[in-house]
């Protein structure tokens, strides 16, 4: 292993460690702050199974699912965004922009309004909807392979169709259904389902492992299809497998908390800048996404006293100017 590669790996590990330290600090804040304040000692005791009755209840039933849900949702969306951006070789080609998130949202909202779906049923419907929409996008964008600009443009068009379906469903449901749907569509952890967080945890571990196994191919793909082919890689097959992993990660996150906007767009470029060298660093990307989402959720909870906002509102406020900046500086 060359000295340059060792240095790059060492820097990636340092960045990952630093972001994880920040994430641990955010977890302690998220679990300790609220109407029933808990000290770091109480939080740590509850996490290792030696807490008192109050801290066990507050963390196990109230704050824990929300905090760990934010971590898993953020990490899932971040890794999905990093994969899509690297495969398509376009910094704005995140699941939010190219229609995958919109397809997952439209399918989930349809299931909520028409069938009152929730829990595992909603999770399955969102996953199927995201996969179907991604296949439509890939089919329409395919021209002897998957190319960046075509995927982005086709994805924007498909996203518009999905948004129309979303609007139709909102006007078709009752007032109660519309209220529930709007909260879910804004990307909310206010009443996250503990069971869904558990399902998301299992899905993230499996899909993250698949992404890490495929990461060498992802690195080669960033060099272009011609170089990848010359190195013995089948680009289109590798792209399909990687994009399918990203779609499943996106769907799992959306099914748990709704479409939390722009995390997938922001996390990977931030991680790439921290790591340097243009490396596709999925570990730091996941950690950055988790930190962004958890920090945004803390702001959403406490920015307006007595009025907890959906986390998607905060990430949208941060991410929308970033997207405009990308569009303004790009060609």
C-alpha atoms as a PDB file:
ATOM      1  CA  UNK A   1       0.000   0.000   0.000  1.00  0.00           C
ATOM      2  CA  UNK A   2       1.507   3.333  -1.067  1.00  0.00           C
ATOM      3  CA  UNK A   3       2.344   6.140   1.325  1.00  0.00           C
ATOM      4  CA  UNK A   4      -0.138   8.458  -0.369  1.00  0.00           C
ATOM      5  CA  UNK A   5      -2.936   5.929   0.056  1.00  0.00           C
ATOM      6  CA  UNK A   6      -2.020   5.369   3.708  1.00  0.00           C
ATOM      7  CA  UNK A   7      -2.095   9.107   4.325  1.00  0.00           C
ATOM      8  CA  UNK A   8      -5.512   9.406   2.670  1.00  0.00           C
ATOM      9  CA  UNK A   9      -6.919   6.510   4.722  1.00  0.00           C
ATOM     10  CA  UNK A  10      -5.454   7.992   7.903  1.00  0.00           C
ATOM     11  CA  UNK A  11      -7.068  11.361   7.181  1.00  0.00           C
ATOM     12  CA  UNK A  12     -10.392   9.691   6.457  1.00  0.00           C
ATOM     13  CA  UNK A  13     -10.243   7.902   9.818  1.00  0.00           C
ATOM     14  CA  UNK A  14      -9.340  11.133  11.612  1.00  0.00           C
ATOM     15  CA  UNK A  15     -12.275  12.935  10.000  1.00  0.00           C
ATOM     16  CA  UNK A  16     -14.600  10.059  10.850  1.00  0.00           C
ATOM     17  CA  UNK A  17     -13.433  10.086  14.466  1.00  0.00           C
ATOM     18  CA  UNK A  18     -13.873  13.858  14.786  1.00  0.00           C
ATOM     19  CA  UNK A  19     -17.398  13.788  13.347  1.00  0.00           C
ATOM     20  CA  UNK A  20     -18.303  10.851  15.611  1.00  0.00           C
ATOM     21  CA  UNK A  21     -17.134  12.831  18.648  1.00  0.00           C
ATOM     22  CA  UNK A  22     -19.398  15.686  17.553  1.00  0.00           C
ATOM     23  CA  UNK A  23     -22.222  13.198  17.044  1.00  0.00           C
ATOM     24  CA  UNK A  24     -21.785  11.758  20.550  1.00  0.00           C
ATOM     25  CA  UNK A  25     -21.975  15.283  21.980  1.00  0.00           C
ATOM     26  CA  UNK A  26     -25.190  15.913  20.021  1.00  0.00           C
ATOM     27  CA  UNK A  27     -26.635  12.610  21.292  1.00  0.00           C
ATOM     28  CA  UNK A  28     -25.932  13.602  24.908  1.00  0.00           C
ATOM     29  CA  UNK A  29     -27.628  16.946  24.321  1.00  0.00           C
ATOM     30  CA  UNK A  30     -30.575  15.387  22.513  1.00  0.00           C
ATOM     31  CA  UNK A  31     -31.157  12.809  25.237  1.00  0.00           C
ATOM     32  CA  UNK A  32     -30.558  15.170  28.129  1.00  0.00           C
ATOM     33  CA  UNK A  33     -32.327  18.412  27.200  1.00  0.00           C
ATOM     34  CA  UNK A  34     -36.089  18.865  27.525  1.00  0.00           C
ATOM     35  CA  UNK A  35     -38.887  19.362  30.020  1.00  0.00           C
ATOM     36  CA  UNK A  36     -37.281  16.700  32.213  1.00  0.00           C
ATOM     37  CA  UNK A  37     -33.555  17.535  32.086  1.00  0.00           C
ATOM     38  CA  UNK A  38     -31.087  14.681  32.502  1.00  0.00           C
ATOM     39  CA  UNK A  39     -27.399  14.985  33.321  1.00  0.00           C
ATOM     40  CA  UNK A  40     -24.775  13.318  31.097  1.00  0.00           C
ATOM     41  CA  UNK A  41     -24.224  10.789  33.903  1.00  0.00           C
ATOM     42  CA  UNK A  42     -27.926   9.882  33.917  1.00  0.00           C
ATOM     43  CA  UNK A  43     -27.940   9.614  30.127  1.00  0.00           C
ATOM     44  CA  UNK A  44     -24.857   7.404  30.083  1.00  0.00           C
ATOM     45  CA  UNK A  45     -26.278   5.237  32.873  1.00  0.00           C
ATOM     46  CA  UNK A  46     -29.549   4.724  30.995  1.00  0.00           C
ATOM     47  CA  UNK A  47     -27.729   3.872  27.772  1.00  0.00           C
ATOM     48  CA  UNK A  48     -25.682   1.115  29.450  1.00  0.00           C
ATOM     49  CA  UNK A  49     -28.653  -0.279  31.390  1.00  0.00           C
ATOM     50  CA  UNK A  50     -27.936   1.242  34.808  1.00  0.00           C
ATOM     51  CA  UNK A  51     -30.292   4.221  34.794  1.00  0.00           C
ATOM     52  CA  UNK A  52     -33.015   5.148  37.259  1.00  0.00           C
ATOM     53  CA  UNK A  53     -36.717   4.753  36.469  1.00  0.00           C
ATOM     54  CA  UNK A  54     -37.137   8.342  35.239  1.00  0.00           C
ATOM     55  CA  UNK A  55     -34.128   8.379  32.906  1.00  0.00           C
ATOM     56  CA  UNK A  56     -34.980   4.917  31.568  1.00  0.00           C
ATOM     57  CA  UNK A  57     -38.511   6.056  30.703  1.00  0.00           C
ATOM     58  CA  UNK A  58     -37.508   9.415  29.221  1.00  0.00           C
ATOM     59  CA  UNK A  59     -34.758   7.962  27.052  1.00  0.00           C
ATOM     60  CA  UNK A  60     -36.354   4.623  26.226  1.00  0.00           C
ATOM     61  CA  UNK A  61     -39.827   5.905  25.405  1.00  0.00           C
ATOM     62  CA  UNK A  62     -39.582   9.607  24.594  1.00  0.00           C
ATOM     63  CA  UNK A  63     -36.206  10.884  23.428  1.00  0.00           C
ATOM     64  CA  UNK A  64     -34.298   7.777  22.416  1.00  0.00           C
ATOM     65  CA  UNK A  65     -36.391   6.838  19.370  1.00  0.00           C
ATOM     66  CA  UNK A  66     -36.270  10.419  18.122  1.00  0.00           C
ATOM     67  CA  UNK A  67     -32.516  10.851  18.589  1.00  0.00           C
ATOM     68  CA  UNK A  68     -31.520   7.500  17.116  1.00  0.00           C
ATOM     69  CA  UNK A  69     -34.150   7.886  14.405  1.00  0.00           C
ATOM     70  CA  UNK A  70     -32.527  11.178  13.405  1.00  0.00           C
ATOM     71  CA  UNK A  71     -29.104   9.526  13.294  1.00  0.00           C
ATOM     72  CA  UNK A  72     -30.273   6.624  11.141  1.00  0.00           C
ATOM     73  CA  UNK A  73     -32.389   8.767   8.812  1.00  0.00           C
ATOM     74  CA  UNK A  74     -29.551  11.237   8.302  1.00  0.00           C
ATOM     75  CA  UNK A  75     -26.936   8.547   7.735  1.00  0.00           C
ATOM     76  CA  UNK A  76     -29.169   6.661   5.285  1.00  0.00           C
ATOM     77  CA  UNK A  77     -29.972   9.741   3.216  1.00  0.00           C
ATOM     78  CA  UNK A  78     -26.341  10.885   3.263  1.00  0.00           C
ATOM     79  CA  UNK A  79     -24.969   7.591   1.969  1.00  0.00           C
ATOM     80  CA  UNK A  80     -27.716   7.435  -0.660  1.00  0.00           C
ATOM     81  CA  UNK A  81     -26.855  10.953  -1.804  1.00  0.00           C
ATOM     82  CA  UNK A  82     -23.148  10.185  -1.916  1.00  0.00           C
ATOM     83  CA  UNK A  83     -23.735   7.102  -4.059  1.00  0.00           C
ATOM     84  CA  UNK A  84     -26.046   8.871  -6.503  1.00  0.00           C
ATOM     85  CA  UNK A  85     -23.773  11.909  -6.884  1.00  0.00           C
ATOM     86  CA  UNK A  86     -20.731   9.705  -7.504  1.00  0.00           C
ATOM     87  CA  UNK A  87     -22.462   7.363  -9.953  1.00  0.00           C
ATOM     88  CA  UNK A  88     -24.066  10.172 -11.939  1.00  0.00           C
ATOM     89  CA  UNK A  89     -21.009  12.431 -11.489  1.00  0.00           C
ATOM     90  CA  UNK A  90     -23.159  15.462 -10.798  1.00  0.00           C
ATOM     91  CA  UNK A  91     -23.183  17.372  -7.462  1.00  0.00           C
ATOM     92  CA  UNK A  92     -26.918  18.128  -7.630  1.00  0.00           C
ATOM     93  CA  UNK A  93     -27.970  14.567  -8.479  1.00  0.00           C
ATOM     94  CA  UNK A  94     -29.232  13.652  -5.029  1.00  0.00           C
ATOM     95  CA  UNK A  95     -32.363  11.536  -4.395  1.00  0.00           C
ATOM     96  CA  UNK A  96     -34.210  14.780  -3.560  1.00  0.00           C
ATOM     97  CA  UNK A  97     -33.551  16.288  -6.956  1.00  0.00           C
ATOM     98  CA  UNK A  98     -33.821  13.344  -9.348  1.00  0.00           C
ATOM     99  CA  UNK A  99     -37.231  12.163  -8.170  1.00  0.00           C
ATOM    100  CA  UNK A 100     -36.489   9.157  -5.942  1.00  0.00           C
ATOM    101  CA  UNK A 101     -37.610  10.926  -2.766  1.00  0.00           C
ATOM    102  CA  UNK A 102     -40.672  12.328  -4.531  1.00  0.00           C
ATOM    103  CA  UNK A 103     -41.632   8.853  -5.738  1.00  0.00           C
ATOM    104  CA  UNK A 104     -41.244   7.401  -2.258  1.00  0.00           C
ATOM    105  CA  UNK A 105     -43.293  10.265  -0.808  1.00  0.00           C
ATOM    106  CA  UNK A 106     -46.077   9.951  -3.363  1.00  0.00           C
ATOM    107  CA  UNK A 107     -46.422   6.204  -2.800  1.00  0.00           C
ATOM    108  CA  UNK A 108     -46.372   6.623   0.968  1.00  0.00           C
ATOM    109  CA  UNK A 109     -48.924   9.418   0.913  1.00  0.00           C
ATOM    110  CA  UNK A 110     -51.209   7.403  -1.355  1.00  0.00           C
ATOM    111  CA  UNK A 111     -51.060   4.511   1.105  1.00  0.00           C
ATOM    112  CA  UNK A 112     -51.792   6.845   4.041  1.00  0.00           C
ATOM    113  CA  UNK A 113     -54.769   8.590   2.413  1.00  0.00           C
ATOM    114  CA  UNK A 114     -56.401   5.665   0.635  1.00  0.00           C
ATOM    115  CA  UNK A 115     -55.661   2.821   3.045  1.00  0.00           C
ATOM    116  CA  UNK A 116     -54.621   4.450   6.318  1.00  0.00           C
ATOM    117  CA  UNK A 117     -51.277   2.632   6.127  1.00  0.00           C
ATOM    118  CA  UNK A 118     -48.719   2.955   8.901  1.00  0.00           C
ATOM    119  CA  UNK A 119     -45.826   1.060  10.430  1.00  0.00           C
ATOM    120  CA  UNK A 120     -44.504  -1.891   8.475  1.00  0.00           C
ATOM    121  CA  UNK A 121     -47.134  -1.603   5.754  1.00  0.00           C
ATOM    122  CA  UNK A 122     -46.151   1.995   5.051  1.00  0.00           C
ATOM    123  CA  UNK A 123     -42.477   0.982   5.078  1.00  0.00           C
ATOM    124  CA  UNK A 124     -43.082  -1.702   2.446  1.00  0.00           C
ATOM    125  CA  UNK A 125     -45.228   0.546   0.232  1.00  0.00           C
ATOM    126  CA  UNK A 126     -42.646   3.346   0.267  1.00  0.00           C
ATOM    127  CA  UNK A 127     -39.870   0.891  -0.599  1.00  0.00           C
ATOM    128  CA  UNK A 128     -41.813  -0.550  -3.536  1.00  0.00           C
ATOM    129  CA  UNK A 129     -42.807   2.932  -4.734  1.00  0.00           C
ATOM    130  CA  UNK A 130     -39.222   4.190  -4.636  1.00  0.00           C
ATOM    131  CA  UNK A 131     -37.929   1.167  -6.553  1.00  0.00           C
ATOM    132  CA  UNK A 132     -40.645   1.490  -9.224  1.00  0.00           C
ATOM    133  CA  UNK A 133     -40.016   5.210  -9.720  1.00  0.00           C
ATOM    134  CA  UNK A 134     -36.253   4.672  -9.903  1.00  0.00           C
ATOM    135  CA  UNK A 135     -36.761   1.994 -12.573  1.00  0.00           C
ATOM    136  CA  UNK A 136     -38.913   4.434 -14.550  1.00  0.00           C
ATOM    137  CA  UNK A 137     -36.227   7.108 -14.288  1.00  0.00           C
ATOM    138  CA  UNK A 138     -33.488   4.670 -15.314  1.00  0.00           C
ATOM    139  CA  UNK A 139     -35.551   3.379 -18.228  1.00  0.00           C
ATOM    140  CA  UNK A 140     -36.306   6.857 -19.562  1.00  0.00           C
ATOM    141  CA  UNK A 141     -32.722   8.069 -19.064  1.00  0.00           C
ATOM    142  CA  UNK A 142     -31.040   4.991 -20.561  1.00  0.00           C
ATOM    143  CA  UNK A 143     -29.073   5.651 -23.718  1.00  0.00           C
ATOM    144  CA  UNK A 144     -26.448   2.916 -23.978  1.00  0.00           C
ATOM    145  CA  UNK A 145     -26.014   3.370 -20.263  1.00  0.00           C
ATOM    146  CA  UNK A 146     -26.838   5.779 -17.469  1.00  0.00           C
ATOM    147  CA  UNK A 147     -25.464   9.304 -17.971  1.00  0.00           C
ATOM    148  CA  UNK A 148     -25.522  12.153 -15.511  1.00  0.00           C
ATOM    149  CA  UNK A 149     -27.342  14.931 -17.312  1.00  0.00           C
ATOM    150  CA  UNK A 150     -30.096  12.663 -18.641  1.00  0.00           C
ATOM    151  CA  UNK A 151     -30.751  11.203 -15.172  1.00  0.00           C
ATOM    152  CA  UNK A 152     -31.034  14.660 -13.622  1.00  0.00           C
ATOM    153  CA  UNK A 153     -33.373  16.020 -16.312  1.00  0.00           C
ATOM    154  CA  UNK A 154     -35.572  12.928 -16.458  1.00  0.00           C
ATOM    155  CA  UNK A 155     -35.623  12.784 -12.672  1.00  0.00           C
ATOM    156  CA  UNK A 156     -36.827  16.366 -12.409  1.00  0.00           C
ATOM    157  CA  UNK A 157     -39.677  15.576 -14.800  1.00  0.00           C
ATOM    158  CA  UNK A 158     -40.658  12.412 -12.901  1.00  0.00           C
ATOM    159  CA  UNK A 159     -40.477  14.338  -9.623  1.00  0.00           C
ATOM    160  CA  UNK A 160     -42.962  16.867 -11.018  1.00  0.00           C
ATOM    161  CA  UNK A 161     -45.398  14.048 -11.846  1.00  0.00           C
ATOM    162  CA  UNK A 162     -44.974  12.600  -8.342  1.00  0.00           C
ATOM    163  CA  UNK A 163     -45.593  16.022  -6.786  1.00  0.00           C
ATOM    164  CA  UNK A 164     -48.828  16.246  -8.781  1.00  0.00           C
ATOM    165  CA  UNK A 165     -49.910  12.889  -7.344  1.00  0.00           C
ATOM    166  CA  UNK A 166     -49.015  14.153  -3.882  1.00  0.00           C
ATOM    167  CA  UNK A 167     -51.182  17.245  -4.339  1.00  0.00           C
ATOM    168  CA  UNK A 168     -54.060  15.141  -5.627  1.00  0.00           C
ATOM    169  CA  UNK A 169     -53.875  12.834  -2.611  1.00  0.00           C
ATOM    170  CA  UNK A 170     -53.841  15.798  -0.212  1.00  0.00           C
ATOM    171  CA  UNK A 171     -57.032  17.195  -1.729  1.00  0.00           C
ATOM    172  CA  UNK A 172     -58.719  13.769  -1.810  1.00  0.00           C
ATOM    173  CA  UNK A 173     -58.336  12.902   1.870  1.00  0.00           C
ATOM    174  CA  UNK A 174     -60.175  14.081   4.951  1.00  0.00           C
ATOM    175  CA  UNK A 175     -58.958  16.964   7.089  1.00  0.00           C
ATOM    176  CA  UNK A 176     -57.444  14.531   9.589  1.00  0.00           C
ATOM    177  CA  UNK A 177     -55.695  12.566   6.848  1.00  0.00           C
ATOM    178  CA  UNK A 178     -54.425  15.778   5.264  1.00  0.00           C
ATOM    179  CA  UNK A 179     -52.988  16.948   8.588  1.00  0.00           C
ATOM    180  CA  UNK A 180     -51.200  13.640   9.164  1.00  0.00           C
ATOM    181  CA  UNK A 181     -49.959  13.577   5.584  1.00  0.00           C
ATOM    182  CA  UNK A 182     -48.658  17.153   5.674  1.00  0.00           C
ATOM    183  CA  UNK A 183     -46.707  16.465   8.867  1.00  0.00           C
ATOM    184  CA  UNK A 184     -45.200  13.344   7.308  1.00  0.00           C
ATOM    185  CA  UNK A 185     -44.421  15.125   4.027  1.00  0.00           C
ATOM    186  CA  UNK A 186     -42.484  17.858   5.831  1.00  0.00           C
ATOM    187  CA  UNK A 187     -40.071  15.274   7.226  1.00  0.00           C
ATOM    188  CA  UNK A 188     -40.878  14.947  10.903  1.00  0.00           C
ATOM    189  CA  UNK A 189     -39.419  13.054  13.853  1.00  0.00           C
ATOM    190  CA  UNK A 190     -41.978  14.480  16.278  1.00  0.00           C
ATOM    191  CA  UNK A 191     -43.804  11.163  16.663  1.00  0.00           C
ATOM    192  CA  UNK A 192     -41.393   8.673  15.135  1.00  0.00           C
ATOM    193  CA  UNK A 193     -42.419   5.027  15.495  1.00  0.00           C
ATOM    194  CA  UNK A 194     -40.003   3.036  17.696  1.00  0.00           C
ATOM    195  CA  UNK A 195     -40.628  -0.120  15.699  1.00  0.00           C
ATOM    196  CA  UNK A 196     -39.847   1.630  12.418  1.00  0.00           C
ATOM    197  CA  UNK A 197     -36.605   2.943  13.906  1.00  0.00           C
ATOM    198  CA  UNK A 198     -35.679  -0.649  14.677  1.00  0.00           C
ATOM    199  CA  UNK A 199     -36.503  -1.738  11.136  1.00  0.00           C
ATOM    200  CA  UNK A 200     -34.500   1.190   9.763  1.00  0.00           C
ATOM    201  CA  UNK A 201     -31.526   0.212  11.937  1.00  0.00           C
ATOM    202  CA  UNK A 202     -31.489  -3.306  10.478  1.00  0.00           C
ATOM    203  CA  UNK A 203     -31.978  -2.001   6.939  1.00  0.00           C
ATOM    204  CA  UNK A 204     -29.185   0.557   7.351  1.00  0.00           C
ATOM    205  CA  UNK A 205     -26.678  -2.007   8.645  1.00  0.00           C
ATOM    206  CA  UNK A 206     -27.393  -4.361   5.732  1.00  0.00           C
ATOM    207  CA  UNK A 207     -27.449  -1.658   3.042  1.00  0.00           C
ATOM    208  CA  UNK A 208     -24.411   0.170   4.445  1.00  0.00           C
ATOM    209  CA  UNK A 209     -22.477  -3.099   4.341  1.00  0.00           C
ATOM    210  CA  UNK A 210     -23.503  -3.542   0.692  1.00  0.00           C
ATOM    211  CA  UNK A 211     -22.455   0.031  -0.077  1.00  0.00           C
ATOM    212  CA  UNK A 212     -19.041  -0.447   1.563  1.00  0.00           C
ATOM    213  CA  UNK A 213     -18.487  -3.674  -0.362  1.00  0.00           C
ATOM    214  CA  UNK A 214     -19.236  -1.787  -3.587  1.00  0.00           C
ATOM    215  CA  UNK A 215     -17.243   1.341  -2.667  1.00  0.00           C
ATOM    216  CA  UNK A 216     -14.132   0.351  -4.697  1.00  0.00           C
ATOM    217  CA  UNK A 217     -16.368   0.205  -7.784  1.00  0.00           C
ATOM    218  CA  UNK A 218     -17.818   3.566  -6.841  1.00  0.00           C
ATOM    219  CA  UNK A 219     -14.329   5.055  -6.734  1.00  0.00           C
ATOM    220  CA  UNK A 220     -13.537   3.653 -10.175  1.00  0.00           C
ATOM    221  CA  UNK A 221     -16.817   4.963 -11.611  1.00  0.00           C
ATOM    222  CA  UNK A 222     -15.906   8.518 -10.602  1.00  0.00           C
ATOM    223  CA  UNK A 223     -13.090   8.305 -13.174  1.00  0.00           C
ATOM    224  CA  UNK A 224     -15.568   7.867 -16.030  1.00  0.00           C
ATOM    225  CA  UNK A 225     -17.051   4.923 -17.907  1.00  0.00           C
ATOM    226  CA  UNK A 226     -14.156   4.581 -20.357  1.00  0.00           C
ATOM    227  CA  UNK A 227     -11.553   4.337 -17.606  1.00  0.00           C
ATOM    228  CA  UNK A 228     -13.779   1.972 -15.621  1.00  0.00           C
ATOM    229  CA  UNK A 229     -14.158  -0.315 -18.640  1.00  0.00           C
ATOM    230  CA  UNK A 230     -10.416  -0.241 -19.244  1.00  0.00           C
ATOM    231  CA  UNK A 231      -9.882  -1.356 -15.641  1.00  0.00           C
ATOM    232  CA  UNK A 232     -12.157  -4.358 -16.153  1.00  0.00           C
ATOM    233  CA  UNK A 233     -15.335  -3.002 -14.573  1.00  0.00           C
ATOM    234  CA  UNK A 234     -18.744  -3.302 -16.220  1.00  0.00           C
ATOM    235  CA  UNK A 235     -19.969   0.279 -15.616  1.00  0.00           C
ATOM    236  CA  UNK A 236     -23.673  -0.123 -16.267  1.00  0.00           C
ATOM    237  CA  UNK A 237     -24.031  -3.210 -14.089  1.00  0.00           C
ATOM    238  CA  UNK A 238     -22.089  -1.549 -11.272  1.00  0.00           C
ATOM    239  CA  UNK A 239     -24.216   1.603 -11.571  1.00  0.00           C
ATOM    240  CA  UNK A 240     -27.492  -0.332 -11.365  1.00  0.00           C
ATOM    241  CA  UNK A 241     -26.404  -2.201  -8.222  1.00  0.00           C
ATOM    242  CA  UNK A 242     -25.151   0.952  -6.543  1.00  0.00           C
ATOM    243  CA  UNK A 243     -28.239   2.971  -7.440  1.00  0.00           C
ATOM    244  CA  UNK A 244     -30.500   0.187  -6.174  1.00  0.00           C
ATOM    245  CA  UNK A 245     -28.668   0.343  -2.834  1.00  0.00           C
ATOM    246  CA  UNK A 246     -29.161   4.121  -2.750  1.00  0.00           C
ATOM    247  CA  UNK A 247     -32.863   3.782  -3.593  1.00  0.00           C
ATOM    248  CA  UNK A 248     -33.430   1.308  -0.752  1.00  0.00           C
ATOM    249  CA  UNK A 249     -31.583   3.561   1.719  1.00  0.00           C
ATOM    250  CA  UNK A 250     -33.699   6.535   0.642  1.00  0.00           C
ATOM    251  CA  UNK A 251     -36.951   4.584   0.870  1.00  0.00           C
ATOM    252  CA  UNK A 252     -36.130   3.267   4.355  1.00  0.00           C
ATOM    253  CA  UNK A 253     -35.405   6.791   5.610  1.00  0.00           C
ATOM    254  CA  UNK A 254     -38.538   8.290   3.991  1.00  0.00           C
ATOM    255  CA  UNK A 255     -40.737   5.512   5.387  1.00  0.00           C
ATOM    256  CA  UNK A 256     -39.477   6.288   8.897  1.00  0.00           C
ATOM    257  CA  UNK A 257     -39.587  10.079   8.998  1.00  0.00           C
ATOM    258  CA  UNK A 258     -40.972  11.305   5.694  1.00  0.00           C
ATOM    259  CA  UNK A 259     -38.867  13.139   3.107  1.00  0.00           C
ATOM    260  CA  UNK A 260     -36.243  15.043   5.131  1.00  0.00           C
ATOM    261  CA  UNK A 261     -35.047  17.412   2.447  1.00  0.00           C
ATOM    262  CA  UNK A 262     -31.508  18.229   1.313  1.00  0.00           C
ATOM    263  CA  UNK A 263     -29.565  16.000   3.727  1.00  0.00           C
ATOM    264  CA  UNK A 264     -28.724  13.712   0.819  1.00  0.00           C
ATOM    265  CA  UNK A 265     -27.588  16.732  -1.197  1.00  0.00           C
ATOM    266  CA  UNK A 266     -25.317  18.304   1.431  1.00  0.00           C
ATOM    267  CA  UNK A 267     -23.652  15.512   3.395  1.00  0.00           C
ATOM    268  CA  UNK A 268     -21.414  13.880   0.779  1.00  0.00           C
ATOM    269  CA  UNK A 269     -19.834  17.132  -0.543  1.00  0.00           C
ATOM    270  CA  UNK A 270     -19.121  18.249   3.032  1.00  0.00           C
ATOM    271  CA  UNK A 271     -17.528  14.887   3.867  1.00  0.00           C
ATOM    272  CA  UNK A 272     -15.545  14.946   0.625  1.00  0.00           C
ATOM    273  CA  UNK A 273     -14.138  18.369   1.431  1.00  0.00           C
ATOM    274  CA  UNK A 274     -13.195  17.302   4.945  1.00  0.00           C
ATOM    275  CA  UNK A 275     -11.480  14.138   3.736  1.00  0.00           C
ATOM    276  CA  UNK A 276      -9.842  15.825   0.736  1.00  0.00           C
ATOM    277  CA  UNK A 277      -8.564  14.352  -2.483  1.00  0.00           C
ATOM    278  CA  UNK A 278     -12.058  13.892  -3.908  1.00  0.00           C
ATOM    279  CA  UNK A 279     -12.348  10.543  -2.098  1.00  0.00           C
ATOM    280  CA  UNK A 280     -15.698   8.760  -1.936  1.00  0.00           C
ATOM    281  CA  UNK A 281     -15.778   8.399   1.853  1.00  0.00           C
ATOM    282  CA  UNK A 282     -19.021   6.623   2.769  1.00  0.00           C
ATOM    283  CA  UNK A 283     -18.180   6.329   6.482  1.00  0.00           C
ATOM    284  CA  UNK A 284     -17.569  10.054   7.040  1.00  0.00           C
ATOM    285  CA  UNK A 285     -20.519  10.802   4.734  1.00  0.00           C
ATOM    286  CA  UNK A 286     -22.856   8.757   6.940  1.00  0.00           C
ATOM    287  CA  UNK A 287     -21.518  10.444  10.080  1.00  0.00           C
ATOM    288  CA  UNK A 288     -21.886  13.938   8.576  1.00  0.00           C
ATOM    289  CA  UNK A 289     -25.464  13.186   7.488  1.00  0.00           C
ATOM    290  CA  UNK A 290     -26.333  11.889  10.948  1.00  0.00           C
ATOM    291  CA  UNK A 291     -24.833  14.980  12.593  1.00  0.00           C
ATOM    292  CA  UNK A 292     -26.657  17.374  10.239  1.00  0.00           C
ATOM    293  CA  UNK A 293     -30.011  15.699  10.838  1.00  0.00           C
ATOM    294  CA  UNK A 294     -29.641  15.428  14.618  1.00  0.00           C
ATOM    295  CA  UNK A 295     -28.419  19.017  14.954  1.00  0.00           C
ATOM    296  CA  UNK A 296     -31.287  20.212  12.731  1.00  0.00           C
ATOM    297  CA  UNK A 297     -33.783  18.265  14.828  1.00  0.00           C
ATOM    298  CA  UNK A 298     -32.479  19.893  18.019  1.00  0.00           C
ATOM    299  CA  UNK A 299     -32.947  23.295  16.389  1.00  0.00           C
ATOM    300  CA  UNK A 300     -36.429  22.237  15.260  1.00  0.00           C
ATOM    301  CA  UNK A 301     -37.367  21.253  18.814  1.00  0.00           C
ATOM    302  CA  UNK A 302     -36.061  24.271  20.688  1.00  0.00           C
ATOM    303  CA  UNK A 303     -35.835  27.186  18.223  1.00  0.00           C
ATOM    304  CA  UNK A 304     -39.470  28.136  18.902  1.00  0.00           C
ATOM    305  CA  UNK A 305     -40.382  27.374  22.543  1.00  0.00           C
ATOM    306  CA  UNK A 306     -43.561  25.323  22.783  1.00  0.00           C
ATOM    307  CA  UNK A 307     -43.712  24.658  19.051  1.00  0.00           C
ATOM    308  CA  UNK A 308     -41.643  21.717  17.756  1.00  0.00           C
ATOM    309  CA  UNK A 309     -41.026  22.073  14.036  1.00  0.00           C
ATOM    310  CA  UNK A 310     -40.533  19.189  11.612  1.00  0.00           C
ATOM    311  CA  UNK A 311     -36.835  18.565  11.072  1.00  0.00           C
ATOM    312  CA  UNK A 312     -37.371  18.843   7.315  1.00  0.00           C
ATOM    313  CA  UNK A 313     -38.204  22.533   7.719  1.00  0.00           C
ATOM    314  CA  UNK A 314     -34.772  23.215   9.235  1.00  0.00           C
ATOM    315  CA  UNK A 315     -32.835  21.106   6.726  1.00  0.00           C
ATOM    316  CA  UNK A 316     -34.785  22.834   3.958  1.00  0.00           C
ATOM    317  CA  UNK A 317     -33.785  26.269   5.260  1.00  0.00           C
ATOM    318  CA  UNK A 318     -30.152  25.157   5.247  1.00  0.00           C
ATOM    319  CA  UNK A 319     -30.193  23.128   2.046  1.00  0.00           C
ATOM    320  CA  UNK A 320     -32.152  25.369  -0.320  1.00  0.00           C
ATOM    321  CA  UNK A 321     -29.521  28.162  -0.330  1.00  0.00           C
ATOM    322  CA  UNK A 322     -26.828  25.508  -0.798  1.00  0.00           C
ATOM    323  CA  UNK A 323     -28.636  24.160  -3.880  1.00  0.00           C
ATOM    324  CA  UNK A 324     -29.006  27.678  -5.285  1.00  0.00           C
ATOM    325  CA  UNK A 325     -25.292  28.253  -4.691  1.00  0.00           C
ATOM    326  CA  UNK A 326     -24.452  25.034  -6.554  1.00  0.00           C
ATOM    327  CA  UNK A 327     -26.645  26.061  -9.489  1.00  0.00           C
ATOM    328  CA  UNK A 328     -25.205  29.605  -9.563  1.00  0.00           C
ATOM    329  CA  UNK A 329     -21.565  28.517  -9.579  1.00  0.00           C
ATOM    330  CA  UNK A 330     -21.960  25.507 -11.882  1.00  0.00           C
ATOM    331  CA  UNK A 331     -21.957  25.450 -15.643  1.00  0.00           C
END
